[in-house]
């Protein structure tokens, strides 16, 4: 059994030399937003152990900003906060995969 019920990793990598990367899409800011919202919703307690972390390059930059949710291993991309809100509400809170954002 995993220590966390859900463990979310945001690629927040910043590549040098102008190469496209997730942080071009404000990935660190979006990760901070999700972390704060998960805490506000009470999803990061001892009974709802959801952890939000930064990750280095996950080598999927061509698919836009990415995050992955474990233990399911579901990869998502997003455009804005409303997409992230949907991932929080549907996947993290209710366990339903958001197919339209899945990569």
PDB file of N, CA and C in Angstrom:
ATOM      1  N   UNK A   1       0.846  -1.187   0.000  1.00  0.00           N
ATOM      2  CA  UNK A   1       0.000   0.000   0.000  1.00  0.00           C
ATOM      3  C   UNK A   1       0.883   1.239   0.000  1.00  0.00           C
ATOM      4  N   UNK A   2       0.556   2.170  -0.828  1.00  0.00           N
ATOM      5  CA  UNK A   2       1.297   3.422  -0.928  1.00  0.00           C
ATOM      6  C   UNK A   2       1.071   4.272   0.324  1.00  0.00           C
ATOM      7  N   UNK A   3       2.069   5.037   0.698  1.00  0.00           N
ATOM      8  CA  UNK A   3       1.932   5.930   1.850  1.00  0.00           C
ATOM      9  C   UNK A   3       0.852   6.983   1.598  1.00  0.00           C
ATOM     10  N   UNK A   4       0.825   7.506   0.371  1.00  0.00           N
ATOM     11  CA  UNK A   4      -0.193   8.506   0.005  1.00  0.00           C
ATOM     12  C   UNK A   4      -1.316   7.840  -0.765  1.00  0.00           C
ATOM     13  N   UNK A   5      -2.522   8.353  -0.582  1.00  0.00           N
ATOM     14  CA  UNK A   5      -3.647   7.875  -1.380  1.00  0.00           C
ATOM     15  C   UNK A   5      -3.455   8.291  -2.841  1.00  0.00           C
ATOM     16  N   UNK A   6      -3.022   9.524  -3.023  1.00  0.00           N
ATOM     17  CA  UNK A   6      -2.687  10.057  -4.350  1.00  0.00           C
ATOM     18  C   UNK A   6      -1.434  10.898  -4.204  1.00  0.00           C
ATOM     19  N   UNK A   7      -0.534  10.762  -5.155  1.00  0.00           N
ATOM     20  CA  UNK A   7       0.698  11.542  -5.164  1.00  0.00           C
ATOM     21  C   UNK A   7       0.791  12.200  -6.534  1.00  0.00           C
ATOM     22  N   UNK A   8       0.752  13.528  -6.554  1.00  0.00           N
ATOM     23  CA  UNK A   8       0.707  14.290  -7.800  1.00  0.00           C
ATOM     24  C   UNK A   8       2.054  14.972  -8.017  1.00  0.00           C
ATOM     25  N   UNK A   9       2.635  14.732  -9.182  1.00  0.00           N
ATOM     26  CA  UNK A   9       3.904  15.355  -9.545  1.00  0.00           C
ATOM     27  C   UNK A   9       3.688  16.305 -10.716  1.00  0.00           C
ATOM     28  N   UNK A  10       4.076  17.552 -10.533  1.00  0.00           N
ATOM     29  CA  UNK A  10       4.055  18.565 -11.584  1.00  0.00           C
ATOM     30  C   UNK A  10       5.460  18.708 -12.141  1.00  0.00           C
ATOM     31  N   UNK A  11       5.607  18.609 -13.447  1.00  0.00           N
ATOM     32  CA  UNK A  11       6.890  18.964 -14.041  1.00  0.00           C
ATOM     33  C   UNK A  11       7.019  20.481 -13.944  1.00  0.00           C
ATOM     34  N   UNK A  12       8.053  20.936 -13.257  1.00  0.00           N
ATOM     35  CA  UNK A  12       8.303  22.378 -13.122  1.00  0.00           C
ATOM     36  C   UNK A  12       9.679  22.722 -13.688  1.00  0.00           C
ATOM     37  N   UNK A  13      10.144  21.896 -14.583  1.00  0.00           N
ATOM     38  CA  UNK A  13      11.476  22.068 -15.150  1.00  0.00           C
ATOM     39  C   UNK A  13      11.573  23.331 -16.006  1.00  0.00           C
ATOM     40  N   UNK A  14      12.713  24.009 -15.889  1.00  0.00           N
ATOM     41  CA  UNK A  14      13.016  25.153 -16.737  1.00  0.00           C
ATOM     42  C   UNK A  14      14.262  24.805 -17.544  1.00  0.00           C
ATOM     43  N   UNK A  15      14.105  24.630 -18.837  1.00  0.00           N
ATOM     44  CA  UNK A  15      15.238  24.296 -19.703  1.00  0.00           C
ATOM     45  C   UNK A  15      16.002  25.553 -20.068  1.00  0.00           C
ATOM     46  N   UNK A  16      17.266  25.369 -20.280  1.00  0.00           N
ATOM     47  CA  UNK A  16      18.125  26.488 -20.689  1.00  0.00           C
ATOM     48  C   UNK A  16      18.100  26.628 -22.207  1.00  0.00           C
ATOM     49  N   UNK A  17      18.517  27.773 -22.673  1.00  0.00           N
ATOM     50  CA  UNK A  17      18.672  27.995 -24.103  1.00  0.00           C
ATOM     51  C   UNK A  17      17.374  28.165 -24.865  1.00  0.00           C
ATOM     52  N   UNK A  18      16.286  28.456 -24.183  1.00  0.00           N
ATOM     53  CA  UNK A  18      15.026  28.721 -24.865  1.00  0.00           C
ATOM     54  C   UNK A  18      14.265  27.492 -25.327  1.00  0.00           C
ATOM     55  N   UNK A  19      14.715  26.288 -24.948  1.00  0.00           N
ATOM     56  CA  UNK A  19      13.974  25.084 -25.316  1.00  0.00           C
ATOM     57  C   UNK A  19      12.632  25.061 -24.600  1.00  0.00           C
ATOM     58  N   UNK A  20      11.608  24.575 -25.284  1.00  0.00           N
ATOM     59  CA  UNK A  20      10.273  24.483 -24.687  1.00  0.00           C
ATOM     60  C   UNK A  20      10.303  23.610 -23.443  1.00  0.00           C
ATOM     61  N   UNK A  21       9.570  24.036 -22.429  1.00  0.00           N
ATOM     62  CA  UNK A  21       9.502  23.267 -21.190  1.00  0.00           C
ATOM     63  C   UNK A  21       8.220  23.597 -20.445  1.00  0.00           C
ATOM     64  N   UNK A  22       7.908  22.780 -19.468  1.00  0.00           N
ATOM     65  CA  UNK A  22       6.660  22.948 -18.717  1.00  0.00           C
ATOM     66  C   UNK A  22       6.608  24.269 -17.964  1.00  0.00           C
ATOM     67  N   UNK A  23       7.726  24.743 -17.474  1.00  0.00           N
ATOM     68  CA  UNK A  23       7.700  25.981 -16.707  1.00  0.00           C
ATOM     69  C   UNK A  23       7.382  27.200 -17.587  1.00  0.00           C
ATOM     70  N   UNK A  24       7.447  27.048 -18.907  1.00  0.00           N
ATOM     71  CA  UNK A  24       7.009  28.114 -19.818  1.00  0.00           C
ATOM     72  C   UNK A  24       5.516  28.391 -19.639  1.00  0.00           C
ATOM     73  N   UNK A  25       4.809  27.427 -19.058  1.00  0.00           N
ATOM     74  CA  UNK A  25       3.359  27.520 -18.861  1.00  0.00           C
ATOM     75  C   UNK A  25       3.007  27.792 -17.399  1.00  0.00           C
ATOM     76  N   UNK A  26       3.942  28.428 -16.670  1.00  0.00           N
ATOM     77  CA  UNK A  26       3.739  28.786 -15.259  1.00  0.00           C
ATOM     78  C   UNK A  26       3.479  27.546 -14.393  1.00  0.00           C
ATOM     79  N   UNK A  27       4.214  26.475 -14.679  1.00  0.00           N
ATOM     80  CA  UNK A  27       3.995  25.202 -13.996  1.00  0.00           C
ATOM     81  C   UNK A  27       4.197  25.307 -12.483  1.00  0.00           C
ATOM     82  N   UNK A  28       5.222  26.022 -12.045  1.00  0.00           N
ATOM     83  CA  UNK A  28       5.442  26.138 -10.598  1.00  0.00           C
ATOM     84  C   UNK A  28       4.291  26.897  -9.936  1.00  0.00           C
ATOM     85  N   UNK A  29       3.829  27.942 -10.575  1.00  0.00           N
ATOM     86  CA  UNK A  29       2.692  28.704 -10.057  1.00  0.00           C
ATOM     87  C   UNK A  29       1.429  27.841 -10.003  1.00  0.00           C
ATOM     88  N   UNK A  30       1.205  27.037 -11.029  1.00  0.00           N
ATOM     89  CA  UNK A  30       0.036  26.165 -11.071  1.00  0.00           C
ATOM     90  C   UNK A  30       0.145  25.056 -10.024  1.00  0.00           C
ATOM     91  N   UNK A  31       1.334  24.539  -9.820  1.00  0.00           N
ATOM     92  CA  UNK A  31       1.557  23.538  -8.772  1.00  0.00           C
ATOM     93  C   UNK A  31       1.249  24.129  -7.403  1.00  0.00           C
ATOM     94  N   UNK A  32       1.706  25.356  -7.162  1.00  0.00           N
ATOM     95  CA  UNK A  32       1.434  26.029  -5.894  1.00  0.00           C
ATOM     96  C   UNK A  32      -0.063  26.239  -5.702  1.00  0.00           C
ATOM     97  N   UNK A  33      -0.751  26.583  -6.783  1.00  0.00           N
ATOM     98  CA  UNK A  33      -2.202  26.768  -6.745  1.00  0.00           C
ATOM     99  C   UNK A  33      -2.898  25.472  -6.333  1.00  0.00           C
ATOM    100  N   UNK A  34      -2.532  24.362  -6.968  1.00  0.00           N
ATOM    101  CA  UNK A  34      -3.166  23.072  -6.669  1.00  0.00           C
ATOM    102  C   UNK A  34      -2.860  22.646  -5.239  1.00  0.00           C
ATOM    103  N   UNK A  35      -1.632  22.828  -4.804  1.00  0.00           N
ATOM    104  CA  UNK A  35      -1.253  22.459  -3.437  1.00  0.00           C
ATOM    105  C   UNK A  35      -2.110  23.217  -2.420  1.00  0.00           C
ATOM    106  N   UNK A  36      -2.270  24.518  -2.642  1.00  0.00           N
ATOM    107  CA  UNK A  36      -3.061  25.348  -1.740  1.00  0.00           C
ATOM    108  C   UNK A  36      -4.536  24.922  -1.756  1.00  0.00           C
ATOM    109  N   UNK A  37      -5.063  24.676  -2.949  1.00  0.00           N
ATOM    110  CA  UNK A  37      -6.478  24.315  -3.075  1.00  0.00           C
ATOM    111  C   UNK A  37      -6.759  22.946  -2.449  1.00  0.00           C
ATOM    112  N   UNK A  38      -5.877  21.997  -2.646  1.00  0.00           N
ATOM    113  CA  UNK A  38      -6.034  20.667  -2.050  1.00  0.00           C
ATOM    114  C   UNK A  38      -6.049  20.783  -0.524  1.00  0.00           C
ATOM    115  N   UNK A  39      -5.193  21.634  -0.009  1.00  0.00           N
ATOM    116  CA  UNK A  39      -5.166  21.841   1.446  1.00  0.00           C
ATOM    117  C   UNK A  39      -6.463  22.504   1.913  1.00  0.00           C
ATOM    118  N   UNK A  40      -6.923  23.535   1.198  1.00  0.00           N
ATOM    119  CA  UNK A  40      -8.162  24.231   1.558  1.00  0.00           C
ATOM    120  C   UNK A  40      -9.369  23.292   1.555  1.00  0.00           C
ATOM    121  N   UNK A  41      -9.372  22.342   0.643  1.00  0.00           N
ATOM    122  CA  UNK A  41     -10.481  21.399   0.522  1.00  0.00           C
ATOM    123  C   UNK A  41     -10.380  20.241   1.524  1.00  0.00           C
ATOM    124  N   UNK A  42      -9.305  20.224   2.304  1.00  0.00           N
ATOM    125  CA  UNK A  42      -9.128  19.166   3.294  1.00  0.00           C
ATOM    126  C   UNK A  42      -8.739  17.830   2.692  1.00  0.00           C
ATOM    127  N   UNK A  43      -8.105  17.863   1.517  1.00  0.00           N
ATOM    128  CA  UNK A  43      -7.708  16.627   0.842  1.00  0.00           C
ATOM    129  C   UNK A  43      -6.296  16.177   1.199  1.00  0.00           C
ATOM    130  N   UNK A  44      -5.600  16.960   2.001  1.00  0.00           N
ATOM    131  CA  UNK A  44      -4.216  16.603   2.352  1.00  0.00           C
ATOM    132  C   UNK A  44      -4.083  16.307   3.847  1.00  0.00           C
ATOM    133  N   UNK A  45      -5.126  15.743   4.418  1.00  0.00           N
ATOM    134  CA  UNK A  45      -5.112  15.386   5.836  1.00  0.00           C
ATOM    135  C   UNK A  45      -4.626  13.949   6.009  1.00  0.00           C
ATOM    136  N   UNK A  46      -4.552  13.492   7.246  1.00  0.00           N
ATOM    137  CA  UNK A  46      -4.136  12.111   7.489  1.00  0.00           C
ATOM    138  C   UNK A  46      -5.127  11.103   6.921  1.00  0.00           C
ATOM    139  N   UNK A  47      -6.415  11.469   6.847  1.00  0.00           N
ATOM    140  CA  UNK A  47      -7.406  10.542   6.302  1.00  0.00           C
ATOM    141  C   UNK A  47      -7.530  10.646   4.781  1.00  0.00           C
ATOM    142  N   UNK A  48      -7.146  11.760   4.201  1.00  0.00           N
ATOM    143  CA  UNK A  48      -7.154  11.971   2.741  1.00  0.00           C
ATOM    144  C   UNK A  48      -5.748  12.352   2.321  1.00  0.00           C
ATOM    145  N   UNK A  49      -4.873  11.423   2.277  1.00  0.00           N
ATOM    146  CA  UNK A  49      -3.456  11.733   2.074  1.00  0.00           C
ATOM    147  C   UNK A  49      -3.121  11.960   0.602  1.00  0.00           C
ATOM    148  N   UNK A  50      -3.335  13.199   0.176  1.00  0.00           N
ATOM    149  CA  UNK A  50      -2.978  13.599  -1.177  1.00  0.00           C
ATOM    150  C   UNK A  50      -1.800  14.547  -1.076  1.00  0.00           C
ATOM    151  N   UNK A  51      -0.755  14.242  -1.802  1.00  0.00           N
ATOM    152  CA  UNK A  51       0.488  15.022  -1.762  1.00  0.00           C
ATOM    153  C   UNK A  51       0.747  15.623  -3.133  1.00  0.00           C
ATOM    154  N   UNK A  52       1.082  16.916  -3.152  1.00  0.00           N
ATOM    155  CA  UNK A  52       1.403  17.629  -4.393  1.00  0.00           C
ATOM    156  C   UNK A  52       2.889  17.980  -4.359  1.00  0.00           C
ATOM    157  N   UNK A  53       3.632  17.552  -5.386  1.00  0.00           N
ATOM    158  CA  UNK A  53       5.071  17.789  -5.438  1.00  0.00           C
ATOM    159  C   UNK A  53       5.511  18.341  -6.787  1.00  0.00           C
ATOM    160  N   UNK A  54       6.658  18.994  -6.759  1.00  0.00           N
ATOM    161  CA  UNK A  54       7.339  19.401  -7.985  1.00  0.00           C
ATOM    162  C   UNK A  54       8.236  18.254  -8.434  1.00  0.00           C
ATOM    163  N   UNK A  55       8.436  18.179  -9.722  1.00  0.00           N
ATOM    164  CA  UNK A  55       9.358  17.195 -10.282  1.00  0.00           C
ATOM    165  C   UNK A  55      10.239  17.888 -11.299  1.00  0.00           C
ATOM    166  N   UNK A  56      11.377  17.321 -11.539  1.00  0.00           N
ATOM    167  CA  UNK A  56      12.231  17.802 -12.618  1.00  0.00           C
ATOM    168  C   UNK A  56      11.624  17.379 -13.948  1.00  0.00           C
ATOM    169  N   UNK A  57      12.406  17.440 -14.967  1.00  0.00           N
ATOM    170  CA  UNK A  57      11.918  17.113 -16.308  1.00  0.00           C
ATOM    171  C   UNK A  57      11.365  15.690 -16.351  1.00  0.00           C
ATOM    172  N   UNK A  58      10.165  15.569 -16.869  1.00  0.00           N
ATOM    173  CA  UNK A  58       9.546  14.250 -17.037  1.00  0.00           C
ATOM    174  C   UNK A  58       9.555  13.829 -18.507  1.00  0.00           C
ATOM    175  N   UNK A  59      10.249  14.623 -19.317  1.00  0.00           N
ATOM    176  CA  UNK A  59      10.515  14.290 -20.717  1.00  0.00           C
ATOM    177  C   UNK A  59       9.256  14.145 -21.567  1.00  0.00           C
ATOM    178  N   UNK A  60       8.249  14.986 -21.279  1.00  0.00           N
ATOM    179  CA  UNK A  60       7.025  14.987 -22.088  1.00  0.00           C
ATOM    180  C   UNK A  60       6.660  16.421 -22.482  1.00  0.00           C
ATOM    181  N   UNK A  61       7.661  17.265 -22.621  1.00  0.00           N
ATOM    182  CA  UNK A  61       7.447  18.690 -22.887  1.00  0.00           C
ATOM    183  C   UNK A  61       6.618  18.943 -24.143  1.00  0.00           C
ATOM    184  N   UNK A  62       6.748  18.067 -25.129  1.00  0.00           N
ATOM    185  CA  UNK A  62       6.021  18.268 -26.379  1.00  0.00           C
ATOM    186  C   UNK A  62       4.516  18.134 -26.201  1.00  0.00           C
ATOM    187  N   UNK A  63       4.086  17.637 -25.045  1.00  0.00           N
ATOM    188  CA  UNK A  63       2.654  17.476 -24.792  1.00  0.00           C
ATOM    189  C   UNK A  63       2.117  18.582 -23.897  1.00  0.00           C
ATOM    190  N   UNK A  64       2.878  19.651 -23.764  1.00  0.00           N
ATOM    191  CA  UNK A  64       2.438  20.795 -22.974  1.00  0.00           C
ATOM    192  C   UNK A  64       2.822  20.632 -21.520  1.00  0.00           C
ATOM    193  N   UNK A  65       2.323  21.476 -20.651  1.00  0.00           N
ATOM    194  CA  UNK A  65       2.632  21.294 -19.243  1.00  0.00           C
ATOM    195  C   UNK A  65       2.007  19.976 -18.780  1.00  0.00           C
ATOM    196  N   UNK A  66       2.741  19.230 -17.965  1.00  0.00           N
ATOM    197  CA  UNK A  66       2.254  17.918 -17.554  1.00  0.00           C
ATOM    198  C   UNK A  66       2.288  17.735 -16.042  1.00  0.00           C
ATOM    199  N   UNK A  67       1.383  16.880 -15.601  1.00  0.00           N
ATOM    200  CA  UNK A  67       1.412  16.370 -14.239  1.00  0.00           C
ATOM    201  C   UNK A  67       1.013  14.912 -14.314  1.00  0.00           C
ATOM    202  N   UNK A  68       1.414  14.148 -13.308  1.00  0.00           N
ATOM    203  CA  UNK A  68       1.059  12.736 -13.252  1.00  0.00           C
ATOM    204  C   UNK A  68       0.528  12.429 -11.860  1.00  0.00           C
ATOM    205  N   UNK A  69      -0.532  11.611 -11.809  1.00  0.00           N
ATOM    206  CA  UNK A  69      -1.159  11.225 -10.547  1.00  0.00           C
ATOM    207  C   UNK A  69      -0.871   9.745 -10.311  1.00  0.00           C
ATOM    208  N   UNK A  70      -0.241   9.469  -9.175  1.00  0.00           N
ATOM    209  CA  UNK A  70       0.002   8.090  -8.758  1.00  0.00           C
ATOM    210  C   UNK A  70      -0.869   7.772  -7.559  1.00  0.00           C
ATOM    211  N   UNK A  71      -1.282   6.547  -7.346  1.00  0.00           N
ATOM    212  CA  UNK A  71      -0.705   5.330  -7.907  1.00  0.00           C
ATOM    213  C   UNK A  71      -1.264   4.929  -9.274  1.00  0.00           C
ATOM    214  N   UNK A  72      -2.248   5.660  -9.785  1.00  0.00           N
ATOM    215  CA  UNK A  72      -2.860   5.276 -11.054  1.00  0.00           C
ATOM    216  C   UNK A  72      -1.931   5.435 -12.260  1.00  0.00           C
ATOM    217  N   UNK A  73      -0.986   6.369 -12.165  1.00  0.00           N
ATOM    218  CA  UNK A  73      -0.101   6.626 -13.296  1.00  0.00           C
ATOM    219  C   UNK A  73      -0.808   7.347 -14.433  1.00  0.00           C
ATOM    220  N   UNK A  74      -1.745   8.222 -14.097  1.00  0.00           N
ATOM    221  CA  UNK A  74      -2.498   8.981 -15.102  1.00  0.00           C
ATOM    222  C   UNK A  74      -1.789  10.309 -15.350  1.00  0.00           C
ATOM    223  N   UNK A  75      -1.493  10.564 -16.625  1.00  0.00           N
ATOM    224  CA  UNK A  75      -0.817  11.799 -17.036  1.00  0.00           C
ATOM    225  C   UNK A  75      -1.856  12.775 -17.567  1.00  0.00           C
ATOM    226  N   UNK A  76      -1.704  14.045 -17.151  1.00  0.00           N
ATOM    227  CA  UNK A  76      -2.593  15.107 -17.603  1.00  0.00           C
ATOM    228  C   UNK A  76      -1.784  16.280 -18.144  1.00  0.00           C
ATOM    229  N   UNK A  77      -2.451  17.047 -18.992  1.00  0.00           N
ATOM    230  CA  UNK A  77      -1.993  18.371 -19.379  1.00  0.00           C
ATOM    231  C   UNK A  77      -3.117  19.335 -19.024  1.00  0.00           C
ATOM    232  N   UNK A  78      -2.824  20.620 -19.063  1.00  0.00           N
ATOM    233  CA  UNK A  78      -3.843  21.613 -18.734  1.00  0.00           C
ATOM    234  C   UNK A  78      -3.554  22.901 -19.478  1.00  0.00           C
ATOM    235  N   UNK A  79      -4.583  23.765 -19.538  1.00  0.00           N
ATOM    236  CA  UNK A  79      -4.440  25.077 -20.146  1.00  0.00           C
ATOM    237  C   UNK A  79      -4.476  26.160 -19.070  1.00  0.00           C
ATOM    238  N   UNK A  80      -5.378  26.008 -18.114  1.00  0.00           N
ATOM    239  CA  UNK A  80      -5.551  27.057 -17.106  1.00  0.00           C
ATOM    240  C   UNK A  80      -6.022  26.474 -15.776  1.00  0.00           C
ATOM    241  N   UNK A  81      -6.311  27.349 -14.823  1.00  0.00           N
ATOM    242  CA  UNK A  81      -6.723  26.911 -13.495  1.00  0.00           C
ATOM    243  C   UNK A  81      -8.021  26.120 -13.513  1.00  0.00           C
ATOM    244  N   UNK A  82      -8.915  26.431 -14.423  1.00  0.00           N
ATOM    245  CA  UNK A  82     -10.180  25.692 -14.462  1.00  0.00           C
ATOM    246  C   UNK A  82      -9.946  24.224 -14.815  1.00  0.00           C
ATOM    247  N   UNK A  83      -8.964  23.950 -15.672  1.00  0.00           N
ATOM    248  CA  UNK A  83      -8.609  22.557 -15.962  1.00  0.00           C
ATOM    249  C   UNK A  83      -8.075  21.874 -14.706  1.00  0.00           C
ATOM    250  N   UNK A  84      -7.242  22.576 -13.965  1.00  0.00           N
ATOM    251  CA  UNK A  84      -6.692  22.012 -12.728  1.00  0.00           C
ATOM    252  C   UNK A  84      -7.775  21.816 -11.682  1.00  0.00           C
ATOM    253  N   UNK A  85      -8.729  22.747 -11.616  1.00  0.00           N
ATOM    254  CA  UNK A  85      -9.861  22.592 -10.706  1.00  0.00           C
ATOM    255  C   UNK A  85     -10.648  21.320 -11.042  1.00  0.00           C
ATOM    256  N   UNK A  86     -10.799  21.051 -12.321  1.00  0.00           N
ATOM    257  CA  UNK A  86     -11.518  19.849 -12.742  1.00  0.00           C
ATOM    258  C   UNK A  86     -10.763  18.585 -12.332  1.00  0.00           C
ATOM    259  N   UNK A  87      -9.447  18.590 -12.484  1.00  0.00           N
ATOM    260  CA  UNK A  87      -8.635  17.445 -12.054  1.00  0.00           C
ATOM    261  C   UNK A  87      -8.755  17.239 -10.547  1.00  0.00           C
ATOM    262  N   UNK A  88      -8.713  18.336  -9.789  1.00  0.00           N
ATOM    263  CA  UNK A  88      -8.860  18.241  -8.331  1.00  0.00           C
ATOM    264  C   UNK A  88     -10.220  17.648  -7.977  1.00  0.00           C
ATOM    265  N   UNK A  89     -11.268  18.228  -8.527  1.00  0.00           N
ATOM    266  CA  UNK A  89     -12.629  17.811  -8.189  1.00  0.00           C
ATOM    267  C   UNK A  89     -12.917  16.375  -8.633  1.00  0.00           C
ATOM    268  N   UNK A  90     -12.606  16.079  -9.868  1.00  0.00           N
ATOM    269  CA  UNK A  90     -12.970  14.775 -10.414  1.00  0.00           C
ATOM    270  C   UNK A  90     -12.009  13.671  -9.996  1.00  0.00           C
ATOM    271  N   UNK A  91     -10.726  13.855 -10.245  1.00  0.00           N
ATOM    272  CA  UNK A  91      -9.778  12.760  -9.997  1.00  0.00           C
ATOM    273  C   UNK A  91      -9.345  12.685  -8.530  1.00  0.00           C
ATOM    274  N   UNK A  92      -8.875  13.801  -7.993  1.00  0.00           N
ATOM    275  CA  UNK A  92      -8.343  13.747  -6.640  1.00  0.00           C
ATOM    276  C   UNK A  92      -9.430  13.572  -5.588  1.00  0.00           C
ATOM    277  N   UNK A  93     -10.546  14.210  -5.784  1.00  0.00           N
ATOM    278  CA  UNK A  93     -11.624  14.148  -4.790  1.00  0.00           C
ATOM    279  C   UNK A  93     -12.530  12.928  -4.983  1.00  0.00           C
ATOM    280  N   UNK A  94     -12.871  12.620  -6.249  1.00  0.00           N
ATOM    281  CA  UNK A  94     -13.858  11.569  -6.505  1.00  0.00           C
ATOM    282  C   UNK A  94     -13.311  10.332  -7.212  1.00  0.00           C
ATOM    283  N   UNK A  95     -12.034  10.360  -7.603  1.00  0.00           N
ATOM    284  CA  UNK A  95     -11.433   9.177  -8.228  1.00  0.00           C
ATOM    285  C   UNK A  95     -11.848   8.929  -9.663  1.00  0.00           C
ATOM    286  N   UNK A  96     -12.387   9.954 -10.329  1.00  0.00           N
ATOM    287  CA  UNK A  96     -12.815   9.820 -11.718  1.00  0.00           C
ATOM    288  C   UNK A  96     -11.794  10.477 -12.645  1.00  0.00           C
ATOM    289  N   UNK A  97     -11.297   9.723 -13.599  1.00  0.00           N
ATOM    290  CA  UNK A  97     -10.300  10.237 -14.543  1.00  0.00           C
ATOM    291  C   UNK A  97     -10.933  11.267 -15.458  1.00  0.00           C
ATOM    292  N   UNK A  98     -10.208  12.350 -15.716  1.00  0.00           N
ATOM    293  CA  UNK A  98     -10.674  13.420 -16.601  1.00  0.00           C
ATOM    294  C   UNK A  98     -10.115  13.128 -17.991  1.00  0.00           C
ATOM    295  N   UNK A  99     -10.901  12.410 -18.792  1.00  0.00           N
ATOM    296  CA  UNK A  99     -10.422  11.932 -20.101  1.00  0.00           C
ATOM    297  C   UNK A  99      -9.991  13.061 -21.020  1.00  0.00           C
ATOM    298  N   UNK A 100     -10.679  14.186 -21.007  1.00  0.00           N
ATOM    299  CA  UNK A 100     -10.361  15.255 -21.961  1.00  0.00           C
ATOM    300  C   UNK A 100      -9.000  15.891 -21.705  1.00  0.00           C
ATOM    301  N   UNK A 101      -8.445  15.732 -20.501  1.00  0.00           N
ATOM    302  CA  UNK A 101      -7.137  16.305 -20.166  1.00  0.00           C
ATOM    303  C   UNK A 101      -6.037  15.251 -20.100  1.00  0.00           C
ATOM    304  N   UNK A 102      -6.405  14.007 -20.259  1.00  0.00           N
ATOM    305  CA  UNK A 102      -5.459  12.905 -20.164  1.00  0.00           C
ATOM    306  C   UNK A 102      -4.546  12.855 -21.402  1.00  0.00           C
ATOM    307  N   UNK A 103      -3.278  12.563 -21.170  1.00  0.00           N
ATOM    308  CA  UNK A 103      -2.350  12.388 -22.295  1.00  0.00           C
ATOM    309  C   UNK A 103      -1.762  10.979 -22.252  1.00  0.00           C
TER     310      UNK A 103
END
